[in-house]
PDB file of all heavy atoms in Angstrom:
ATOM      1  N   TYR A   1     -23.679 -49.104 -38.107  1.00  0.00           N
ATOM      2  CA  TYR A   1     -23.568 -49.466 -36.694  1.00  0.00           C
ATOM      3  C   TYR A   1     -24.921 -49.903 -36.146  1.00  0.00           C
ATOM      4  O   TYR A   1     -25.014 -50.886 -35.400  1.00  0.00           O
ATOM      5  CB  TYR A   1     -23.036 -48.271 -35.899  1.00  0.00           C
ATOM      6  CG  TYR A   1     -22.772 -48.568 -34.444  1.00  0.00           C
ATOM      7  CD1 TYR A   1     -21.842 -49.527 -34.076  1.00  0.00           C
ATOM      8  CD2 TYR A   1     -23.451 -47.888 -33.440  1.00  0.00           C
ATOM      9  CE1 TYR A   1     -21.590 -49.806 -32.737  1.00  0.00           C
ATOM     10  CE2 TYR A   1     -23.205 -48.156 -32.102  1.00  0.00           C
ATOM     11  CZ  TYR A   1     -22.272 -49.113 -31.762  1.00  0.00           C
ATOM     12  OH  TYR A   1     -22.038 -49.395 -30.440  1.00  0.00           O
ATOM     13  N   ALA A   2     -25.984 -49.193 -36.532  1.00  0.00           N
ATOM     14  CA  ALA A   2     -27.322 -49.525 -36.039  1.00  0.00           C
ATOM     15  C   ALA A   2     -27.907 -50.742 -36.738  1.00  0.00           C
ATOM     16  O   ALA A   2     -28.839 -51.366 -36.206  1.00  0.00           O
ATOM     17  CB  ALA A   2     -28.251 -48.325 -36.214  1.00  0.00           C
ATOM     18  N   LEU A   3     -27.403 -51.110 -37.909  1.00  0.00           N
ATOM     19  CA  LEU A   3     -27.960 -52.246 -38.631  1.00  0.00           C
ATOM     20  C   LEU A   3     -27.905 -53.528 -37.812  1.00  0.00           C
ATOM     21  O   LEU A   3     -28.833 -54.344 -37.857  1.00  0.00           O
ATOM     22  CB  LEU A   3     -27.209 -52.459 -39.942  1.00  0.00           C
ATOM     23  CG  LEU A   3     -27.816 -51.884 -41.215  1.00  0.00           C
ATOM     24  CD1 LEU A   3     -26.988 -52.305 -42.411  1.00  0.00           C
ATOM     25  CD2 LEU A   3     -29.259 -52.309 -41.401  1.00  0.00           C
ATOM     26  N   MET A   4     -26.819 -53.719 -37.070  1.00  0.00           N
ATOM     27  CA  MET A   4     -26.658 -54.992 -36.368  1.00  0.00           C
ATOM     28  C   MET A   4     -27.769 -55.230 -35.348  1.00  0.00           C
ATOM     29  O   MET A   4     -28.413 -56.290 -35.373  1.00  0.00           O
ATOM     30  CB  MET A   4     -25.282 -55.065 -35.718  1.00  0.00           C
ATOM     31  CG  MET A   4     -24.985 -56.406 -35.075  1.00  0.00           C
ATOM     32  SD  MET A   4     -23.246 -56.495 -34.607  1.00  0.00           S
ATOM     33  CE  MET A   4     -23.244 -57.972 -33.599  1.00  0.00           C
ATOM     34  N   PRO A   5     -28.052 -54.304 -34.419  1.00  0.00           N
ATOM     35  CA  PRO A   5     -29.171 -54.569 -33.507  1.00  0.00           C
ATOM     36  C   PRO A   5     -30.514 -54.623 -34.218  1.00  0.00           C
ATOM     37  O   PRO A   5     -31.398 -55.395 -33.829  1.00  0.00           O
ATOM     38  CB  PRO A   5     -29.103 -53.403 -32.518  1.00  0.00           C
ATOM     39  CG  PRO A   5     -28.378 -52.314 -33.240  1.00  0.00           C
ATOM     40  CD  PRO A   5     -27.380 -53.043 -34.095  1.00  0.00           C
ATOM     41  N   PHE A   6     -30.681 -53.823 -35.265  1.00  0.00           N
ATOM     42  CA  PHE A   6     -31.944 -53.870 -36.002  1.00  0.00           C
ATOM     43  C   PHE A   6     -32.170 -55.257 -36.607  1.00  0.00           C
ATOM     44  O   PHE A   6     -33.237 -55.858 -36.438  1.00  0.00           O
ATOM     45  CB  PHE A   6     -31.969 -52.811 -37.104  1.00  0.00           C
ATOM     46  CG  PHE A   6     -32.500 -51.472 -36.669  1.00  0.00           C
ATOM     47  CD1 PHE A   6     -31.695 -50.342 -36.693  1.00  0.00           C
ATOM     48  CD2 PHE A   6     -33.813 -51.332 -36.242  1.00  0.00           C
ATOM     49  CE1 PHE A   6     -32.189 -49.105 -36.298  1.00  0.00           C
ATOM     50  CE2 PHE A   6     -34.315 -50.099 -35.848  1.00  0.00           C
ATOM     51  CZ  PHE A   6     -33.498 -48.985 -35.869  1.00  0.00           C
ATOM     52  N   VAL A   7     -31.169 -55.784 -37.316  1.00  0.00           N
ATOM     53  CA  VAL A   7     -31.408 -57.048 -38.021  1.00  0.00           C
ATOM     54  C   VAL A   7     -31.381 -58.234 -37.070  1.00  0.00           C
ATOM     55  O   VAL A   7     -32.120 -59.208 -37.270  1.00  0.00           O
ATOM     56  CB  VAL A   7     -30.412 -57.245 -39.191  1.00  0.00           C
ATOM     57  CG1 VAL A   7     -30.581 -56.162 -40.235  1.00  0.00           C
ATOM     58  CG2 VAL A   7     -28.974 -57.336 -38.718  1.00  0.00           C
ATOM     59  N   LEU A   8     -30.551 -58.186 -36.020  1.00  0.00           N
ATOM     60  CA  LEU A   8     -30.512 -59.314 -35.087  1.00  0.00           C
ATOM     61  C   LEU A   8     -31.796 -59.418 -34.275  1.00  0.00           C
ATOM     62  O   LEU A   8     -32.334 -60.517 -34.076  1.00  0.00           O
ATOM     63  CB  LEU A   8     -29.300 -59.193 -34.165  1.00  0.00           C
ATOM     64  CG  LEU A   8     -27.939 -59.461 -34.803  1.00  0.00           C
ATOM     65  CD1 LEU A   8     -26.816 -59.248 -33.792  1.00  0.00           C
ATOM     66  CD2 LEU A   8     -27.865 -60.878 -35.367  1.00  0.00           C
ATOM     67  N   PHE A   9     -32.296 -58.280 -33.786  1.00  0.00           N
ATOM     68  CA  PHE A   9     -33.548 -58.327 -33.049  1.00  0.00           C
ATOM     69  C   PHE A   9     -34.694 -58.703 -33.992  1.00  0.00           C
ATOM     70  O   PHE A   9     -35.579 -59.492 -33.633  1.00  0.00           O
ATOM     71  CB  PHE A   9     -33.813 -56.991 -32.360  1.00  0.00           C
ATOM     72  CG  PHE A   9     -35.009 -56.993 -31.441  1.00  0.00           C
ATOM     73  CD1 PHE A   9     -35.458 -58.156 -30.830  1.00  0.00           C
ATOM     74  CD2 PHE A   9     -35.681 -55.808 -31.163  1.00  0.00           C
ATOM     75  CE1 PHE A   9     -36.556 -58.147 -29.978  1.00  0.00           C
ATOM     76  CE2 PHE A   9     -36.782 -55.785 -30.315  1.00  0.00           C
ATOM     77  CZ  PHE A   9     -37.227 -56.963 -29.728  1.00  0.00           C
ATOM     78  N   ALA A  10     -34.666 -58.168 -35.209  1.00  0.00           N
ATOM     79  CA  ALA A  10     -35.709 -58.523 -36.169  1.00  0.00           C
ATOM     80  C   ALA A  10     -35.681 -60.019 -36.466  1.00  0.00           C
ATOM     81  O   ALA A  10     -36.741 -60.661 -36.583  1.00  0.00           O
ATOM     82  CB  ALA A  10     -35.535 -57.718 -37.452  1.00  0.00           C
ATOM     83  N   GLN A  11     -34.492 -60.577 -36.583  1.00  0.00           N
ATOM     84  CA  GLN A  11     -34.393 -62.016 -36.818  1.00  0.00           C
ATOM     85  C   GLN A  11     -34.974 -62.804 -35.638  1.00  0.00           C
ATOM     86  O   GLN A  11     -35.676 -63.808 -35.834  1.00  0.00           O
ATOM     87  CB  GLN A  11     -32.934 -62.409 -37.052  1.00  0.00           C
ATOM     88  CG  GLN A  11     -32.745 -63.877 -37.415  1.00  0.00           C
ATOM     89  CD  GLN A  11     -31.291 -64.243 -37.561  1.00  0.00           C
ATOM     90  OE1 GLN A  11     -30.461 -63.911 -36.711  1.00  0.00           O
ATOM     91  NE2 GLN A  11     -30.950 -64.912 -38.649  1.00  0.00           N
ATOM     92  N   ALA A  12     -34.696 -62.339 -34.416  1.00  0.00           N
ATOM     93  CA  ALA A  12     -35.261 -63.002 -33.241  1.00  0.00           C
ATOM     94  C   ALA A  12     -36.787 -62.902 -33.236  1.00  0.00           C
ATOM     95  O   ALA A  12     -37.487 -63.866 -32.889  1.00  0.00           O
ATOM     96  CB  ALA A  12     -34.679 -62.393 -31.966  1.00  0.00           C
ATOM     97  N   ILE A  13     -37.306 -61.738 -33.623  1.00  0.00           N
ATOM     98  CA  ILE A  13     -38.760 -61.572 -33.708  1.00  0.00           C
ATOM     99  C   ILE A  13     -39.332 -62.525 -34.751  1.00  0.00           C
ATOM    100  O   ILE A  13     -40.352 -63.192 -34.522  1.00  0.00           O
ATOM    101  CB  ILE A  13     -39.108 -60.109 -34.069  1.00  0.00           C
ATOM    102  CG1 ILE A  13     -38.652 -59.150 -32.965  1.00  0.00           C
ATOM    103  CG2 ILE A  13     -40.606 -59.956 -34.313  1.00  0.00           C
ATOM    104  CD1 ILE A  13     -38.683 -57.686 -33.373  1.00  0.00           C
ATOM    105  N   GLU A  14     -38.679 -62.608 -35.905  1.00  0.00           N
ATOM    106  CA  GLU A  14     -39.163 -63.472 -36.980  1.00  0.00           C
ATOM    107  C   GLU A  14     -39.188 -64.939 -36.553  1.00  0.00           C
ATOM    108  O   GLU A  14     -40.126 -65.682 -36.884  1.00  0.00           O
ATOM    109  CB  GLU A  14     -38.278 -63.293 -38.218  1.00  0.00           C
ATOM    110  CG  GLU A  14     -38.728 -64.046 -39.448  1.00  0.00           C
ATOM    111  CD  GLU A  14     -39.966 -63.447 -40.093  1.00  0.00           C
ATOM    112  OE1 GLU A  14     -40.348 -62.314 -39.754  1.00  0.00           O
ATOM    113  OE2 GLU A  14     -40.563 -64.136 -40.948  1.00  0.00           O
ATOM    114  N   LYS A  15     -38.184 -65.369 -35.804  1.00  0.00           N
ATOM    115  CA  LYS A  15     -38.113 -66.764 -35.379  1.00  0.00           C
ATOM    116  C   LYS A  15     -39.135 -67.073 -34.288  1.00  0.00           C
ATOM    117  O   LYS A  15     -39.706 -68.170 -34.255  1.00  0.00           O
ATOM    118  CB  LYS A  15     -36.704 -67.087 -34.880  1.00  0.00           C
ATOM    119  CG  LYS A  15     -35.664 -67.168 -35.981  1.00  0.00           C
ATOM    120  CD  LYS A  15     -34.290 -67.492 -35.428  1.00  0.00           C
ATOM    121  CE  LYS A  15     -33.269 -67.634 -36.551  1.00  0.00           C
ATOM    122  NZ  LYS A  15     -31.905 -67.926 -36.029  1.00  0.00           N
ATOM    123  N   ASN A  16     -39.355 -66.132 -33.383  1.00  0.00           N
ATOM    124  CA  ASN A  16     -40.241 -66.378 -32.251  1.00  0.00           C
ATOM    125  C   ASN A  16     -41.687 -65.985 -32.509  1.00  0.00           C
ATOM    126  O   ASN A  16     -42.606 -66.611 -31.979  1.00  0.00           O
ATOM    127  CB  ASN A  16     -39.722 -65.627 -31.023  1.00  0.00           C
ATOM    128  CG  ASN A  16     -38.467 -66.233 -30.438  1.00  0.00           C
ATOM    129  OD1 ASN A  16     -38.522 -67.169 -29.652  1.00  0.00           O
ATOM    130  ND2 ASN A  16     -37.309 -65.702 -30.844  1.00  0.00           N
ATOM    131  N   GLU A  17     -41.899 -64.933 -33.298  1.00  0.00           N
ATOM    132  CA  GLU A  17     -43.247 -64.456 -33.581  1.00  0.00           C
ATOM    133  C   GLU A  17     -43.357 -64.085 -35.058  1.00  0.00           C
ATOM    134  O   GLU A  17     -43.500 -62.909 -35.408  1.00  0.00           O
ATOM    135  CB  GLU A  17     -43.592 -63.249 -32.706  1.00  0.00           C
ATOM    136  CG  GLU A  17     -43.571 -63.529 -31.204  1.00  0.00           C
ATOM    137  CD  GLU A  17     -43.954 -62.297 -30.397  1.00  0.00           C
ATOM    138  OE1 GLU A  17     -45.156 -62.119 -30.126  1.00  0.00           O
ATOM    139  OE2 GLU A  17     -43.043 -61.509 -30.057  1.00  0.00           O
ATOM    140  N   PRO A  18     -43.284 -65.079 -35.936  1.00  0.00           N
ATOM    141  CA  PRO A  18     -43.305 -64.773 -37.374  1.00  0.00           C
ATOM    142  C   PRO A  18     -44.572 -64.053 -37.811  1.00  0.00           C
ATOM    143  O   PRO A  18     -44.570 -63.365 -38.840  1.00  0.00           O
ATOM    144  CB  PRO A  18     -43.190 -66.157 -38.022  1.00  0.00           C
ATOM    145  CG  PRO A  18     -43.620 -67.127 -36.961  1.00  0.00           C
ATOM    146  CD  PRO A  18     -43.204 -66.525 -35.669  1.00  0.00           C
ATOM    147  N   GLU A  19     -45.645 -64.195 -37.007  1.00  0.00           N
ATOM    148  CA  GLU A  19     -46.894 -63.535 -37.387  1.00  0.00           C
ATOM    149  C   GLU A  19     -46.783 -62.016 -37.372  1.00  0.00           C
ATOM    150  O   GLU A  19     -47.616 -61.307 -37.966  1.00  0.00           O
ATOM    151  CB  GLU A  19     -48.026 -63.975 -36.448  1.00  0.00           C
ATOM    152  CG  GLU A  19     -47.870 -63.559 -34.999  1.00  0.00           C
ATOM    153  CD  GLU A  19     -47.019 -64.512 -34.168  1.00  0.00           C
ATOM    154  OE1 GLU A  19     -46.351 -65.401 -34.769  1.00  0.00           O
ATOM    155  OE2 GLU A  19     -47.003 -64.370 -32.927  1.00  0.00           O
ATOM    156  N   ARG A  20     -45.760 -61.484 -36.706  1.00  0.00           N
ATOM    157  CA  ARG A  20     -45.577 -60.024 -36.716  1.00  0.00           C
ATOM    158  C   ARG A  20     -45.114 -59.516 -38.079  1.00  0.00           C
ATOM    159  O   ARG A  20     -45.239 -58.335 -38.385  1.00  0.00           O
ATOM    160  CB  ARG A  20     -44.563 -59.609 -35.646  1.00  0.00           C
ATOM    161  CG  ARG A  20     -45.059 -59.740 -34.212  1.00  0.00           C
ATOM    162  CD  ARG A  20     -44.059 -59.113 -33.257  1.00  0.00           C
ATOM    163  NE  ARG A  20     -44.390 -59.296 -31.853  1.00  0.00           N
ATOM    164  CZ  ARG A  20     -45.115 -58.444 -31.131  1.00  0.00           C
ATOM    165  NH1 ARG A  20     -45.596 -57.340 -31.695  1.00  0.00           N
ATOM    166  NH2 ARG A  20     -45.366 -58.682 -29.856  1.00  0.00           N
ATOM    167  N   GLY A  21     -44.511 -60.385 -38.894  1.00  0.00           N
ATOM    168  CA  GLY A  21     -44.041 -59.968 -40.219  1.00  0.00           C
ATOM    169  C   GLY A  21     -43.063 -58.814 -40.157  1.00  0.00           C
ATOM    170  O   GLY A  21     -43.165 -57.856 -40.944  1.00  0.00           O
ATOM    171  N   ILE A  22     -42.070 -58.909 -39.270  1.00  0.00           N
ATOM    172  CA  ILE A  22     -41.202 -57.760 -39.001  1.00  0.00           C
ATOM    173  C   ILE A  22     -40.403 -57.325 -40.228  1.00  0.00           C
ATOM    174  O   ILE A  22     -40.176 -56.133 -40.438  1.00  0.00           O
ATOM    175  CB  ILE A  22     -40.260 -58.048 -37.812  1.00  0.00           C
ATOM    176  CG1 ILE A  22     -39.530 -56.784 -37.373  1.00  0.00           C
ATOM    177  CG2 ILE A  22     -39.289 -59.176 -38.143  1.00  0.00           C
ATOM    178  CD1 ILE A  22     -40.426 -55.723 -36.803  1.00  0.00           C
ATOM    179  N   PHE A  23     -39.999 -58.271 -41.082  1.00  0.00           N
ATOM    180  CA  PHE A  23     -39.208 -57.887 -42.255  1.00  0.00           C
ATOM    181  C   PHE A  23     -40.079 -57.311 -43.379  1.00  0.00           C
ATOM    182  O   PHE A  23     -39.554 -56.823 -44.378  1.00  0.00           O
ATOM    183  CB  PHE A  23     -38.377 -59.066 -42.756  1.00  0.00           C
ATOM    184  CG  PHE A  23     -37.156 -59.318 -41.914  1.00  0.00           C
ATOM    185  CD1 PHE A  23     -37.110 -60.393 -41.042  1.00  0.00           C
ATOM    186  CD2 PHE A  23     -36.067 -58.467 -41.974  1.00  0.00           C
ATOM    187  CE1 PHE A  23     -35.992 -60.626 -40.256  1.00  0.00           C
ATOM    188  CE2 PHE A  23     -34.936 -58.686 -41.195  1.00  0.00           C
ATOM    189  CZ  PHE A  23     -34.899 -59.776 -40.328  1.00  0.00           C
ATOM    190  N   LYS A  24     -41.401 -57.352 -43.200  1.00  0.00           N
ATOM    191  CA  LYS A  24     -42.304 -56.688 -44.138  1.00  0.00           C
ATOM    192  C   LYS A  24     -42.776 -55.344 -43.599  1.00  0.00           C
ATOM    193  O   LYS A  24     -43.499 -54.621 -44.295  1.00  0.00           O
ATOM    194  CB  LYS A  24     -43.510 -57.587 -44.417  1.00  0.00           C
ATOM    195  CG  LYS A  24     -43.147 -58.890 -45.117  1.00  0.00           C
ATOM    196  CD  LYS A  24     -44.377 -59.757 -45.349  1.00  0.00           C
ATOM    197  CE  LYS A  24     -43.998 -61.066 -46.025  1.00  0.00           C
ATOM    198  NZ  LYS A  24     -45.184 -61.938 -46.209  1.00  0.00           N
ATOM    199  N   TYR A  25     -42.386 -55.027 -42.380  1.00  0.00           N
ATOM    200  CA  TYR A  25     -42.840 -53.799 -41.732  1.00  0.00           C
ATOM    201  C   TYR A  25     -42.391 -52.580 -42.548  1.00  0.00           C
ATOM    202  O   TYR A  25     -41.267 -52.509 -43.021  1.00  0.00           O
ATOM    203  CB  TYR A  25     -42.258 -53.730 -40.319  1.00  0.00           C
ATOM    204  CG  TYR A  25     -42.790 -52.607 -39.465  1.00  0.00           C
ATOM    205  CD1 TYR A  25     -44.035 -52.701 -38.856  1.00  0.00           C
ATOM    206  CD2 TYR A  25     -42.046 -51.444 -39.274  1.00  0.00           C
ATOM    207  CE1 TYR A  25     -44.537 -51.673 -38.066  1.00  0.00           C
ATOM    208  CE2 TYR A  25     -42.535 -50.404 -38.481  1.00  0.00           C
ATOM    209  CZ  TYR A  25     -43.779 -50.529 -37.887  1.00  0.00           C
ATOM    210  OH  TYR A  25     -44.261 -49.502 -37.106  1.00  0.00           O
ATOM    211  N   ARG A  26     -43.296 -51.633 -42.725  1.00  0.00           N
ATOM    212  CA  ARG A  26     -43.044 -50.415 -43.511  1.00  0.00           C
ATOM    213  C   ARG A  26     -42.504 -50.757 -44.905  1.00  0.00           C
ATOM    214  O   ARG A  26     -41.505 -50.213 -45.365  1.00  0.00           O
ATOM    215  CB  ARG A  26     -42.067 -49.466 -42.811  1.00  0.00           C
ATOM    216  CG  ARG A  26     -42.648 -48.659 -41.676  1.00  0.00           C
ATOM    217  CD  ARG A  26     -41.699 -47.530 -41.292  1.00  0.00           C
ATOM    218  NE  ARG A  26     -41.626 -46.520 -42.337  1.00  0.00           N
ATOM    219  CZ  ARG A  26     -40.608 -45.655 -42.466  1.00  0.00           C
ATOM    220  NH1 ARG A  26     -39.595 -45.691 -41.634  1.00  0.00           N
ATOM    221  NH2 ARG A  26     -40.622 -44.761 -43.436  1.00  0.00           N
ATOM    222  N   ASP A  27     -43.186 -51.677 -45.555  1.00  0.00           N
ATOM    223  CA  ASP A  27     -42.816 -52.037 -46.927  1.00  0.00           C
ATOM    224  C   ASP A  27     -41.388 -52.578 -46.994  1.00  0.00           C
ATOM    225  O   ASP A  27     -40.650 -52.312 -47.943  1.00  0.00           O
ATOM    226  CB  ASP A  27     -42.990 -50.837 -47.858  1.00  0.00           C
ATOM    227  CG  ASP A  27     -42.956 -51.222 -49.331  1.00  0.00           C
ATOM    228  OD1 ASP A  27     -43.355 -52.349 -49.652  1.00  0.00           O
ATOM    229  OD2 ASP A  27     -42.518 -50.391 -50.145  1.00  0.00           O
ATOM    230  N   GLY A  28     -41.017 -53.343 -45.971  1.00  0.00           N
ATOM    231  CA  GLY A  28     -39.695 -53.969 -45.972  1.00  0.00           C
ATOM    232  C   GLY A  28     -38.555 -53.007 -45.757  1.00  0.00           C
ATOM    233  O   GLY A  28     -37.487 -53.147 -46.358  1.00  0.00           O
ATOM    234  N   VAL A  29     -38.743 -52.038 -44.851  1.00  0.00           N
ATOM    235  CA  VAL A  29     -37.750 -50.974 -44.709  1.00  0.00           C
ATOM    236  C   VAL A  29     -36.403 -51.497 -44.219  1.00  0.00           C
ATOM    237  O   VAL A  29     -35.351 -50.936 -44.579  1.00  0.00           O
ATOM    238  CB  VAL A  29     -38.283 -49.853 -43.781  1.00  0.00           C
ATOM    239  CG1 VAL A  29     -38.329 -50.308 -42.326  1.00  0.00           C
ATOM    240  CG2 VAL A  29     -37.464 -48.577 -43.939  1.00  0.00           C
ATOM    241  N   LEU A  30     -36.386 -52.585 -43.428  1.00  0.00           N
ATOM    242  CA  LEU A  30     -35.093 -53.090 -42.944  1.00  0.00           C
ATOM    243  C   LEU A  30     -34.250 -53.644 -44.088  1.00  0.00           C
ATOM    244  O   LEU A  30     -33.037 -53.408 -44.145  1.00  0.00           O
ATOM    245  CB  LEU A  30     -35.303 -54.153 -41.879  1.00  0.00           C
ATOM    246  CG  LEU A  30     -35.330 -53.671 -40.432  1.00  0.00           C
ATOM    247  CD1 LEU A  30     -35.540 -54.830 -39.475  1.00  0.00           C
ATOM    248  CD2 LEU A  30     -34.038 -52.931 -40.077  1.00  0.00           C
ATOM    249  N   LEU A  31     -34.858 -54.380 -44.987  1.00  0.00           N
ATOM    250  CA  LEU A  31     -34.104 -54.877 -46.136  1.00  0.00           C
ATOM    251  C   LEU A  31     -33.680 -53.729 -47.044  1.00  0.00           C
ATOM    252  O   LEU A  31     -32.561 -53.733 -47.582  1.00  0.00           O
ATOM    253  CB  LEU A  31     -34.933 -55.895 -46.908  1.00  0.00           C
ATOM    254  CG  LEU A  31     -35.108 -57.254 -46.214  1.00  0.00           C
ATOM    255  CD1 LEU A  31     -36.056 -58.138 -46.999  1.00  0.00           C
ATOM    256  CD2 LEU A  31     -33.763 -57.938 -46.023  1.00  0.00           C
ATOM    257  N   LYS A  32     -34.547 -52.740 -47.207  1.00  0.00           N
ATOM    258  CA  LYS A  32     -34.147 -51.562 -47.971  1.00  0.00           C
ATOM    259  C   LYS A  32     -32.936 -50.897 -47.333  1.00  0.00           C
ATOM    260  O   LYS A  32     -32.046 -50.387 -48.032  1.00  0.00           O
ATOM    261  CB  LYS A  32     -35.302 -50.568 -48.051  1.00  0.00           C
ATOM    262  CG  LYS A  32     -36.459 -51.005 -48.941  1.00  0.00           C
ATOM    263  CD  LYS A  32     -37.539 -49.923 -48.965  1.00  0.00           C
ATOM    264  CE  LYS A  32     -38.712 -50.306 -49.844  1.00  0.00           C
ATOM    265  NZ  LYS A  32     -39.763 -49.264 -49.848  1.00  0.00           N
TER     266      LYS A  32
END
């Protein structure tokens, strides 16, 4: 249930501010 807001907001961050490296945060914890 929580995955959807996590990945959608992360995708928005990646598109708007890729320099944040959100999908690499905490050793890629979202993809894990």
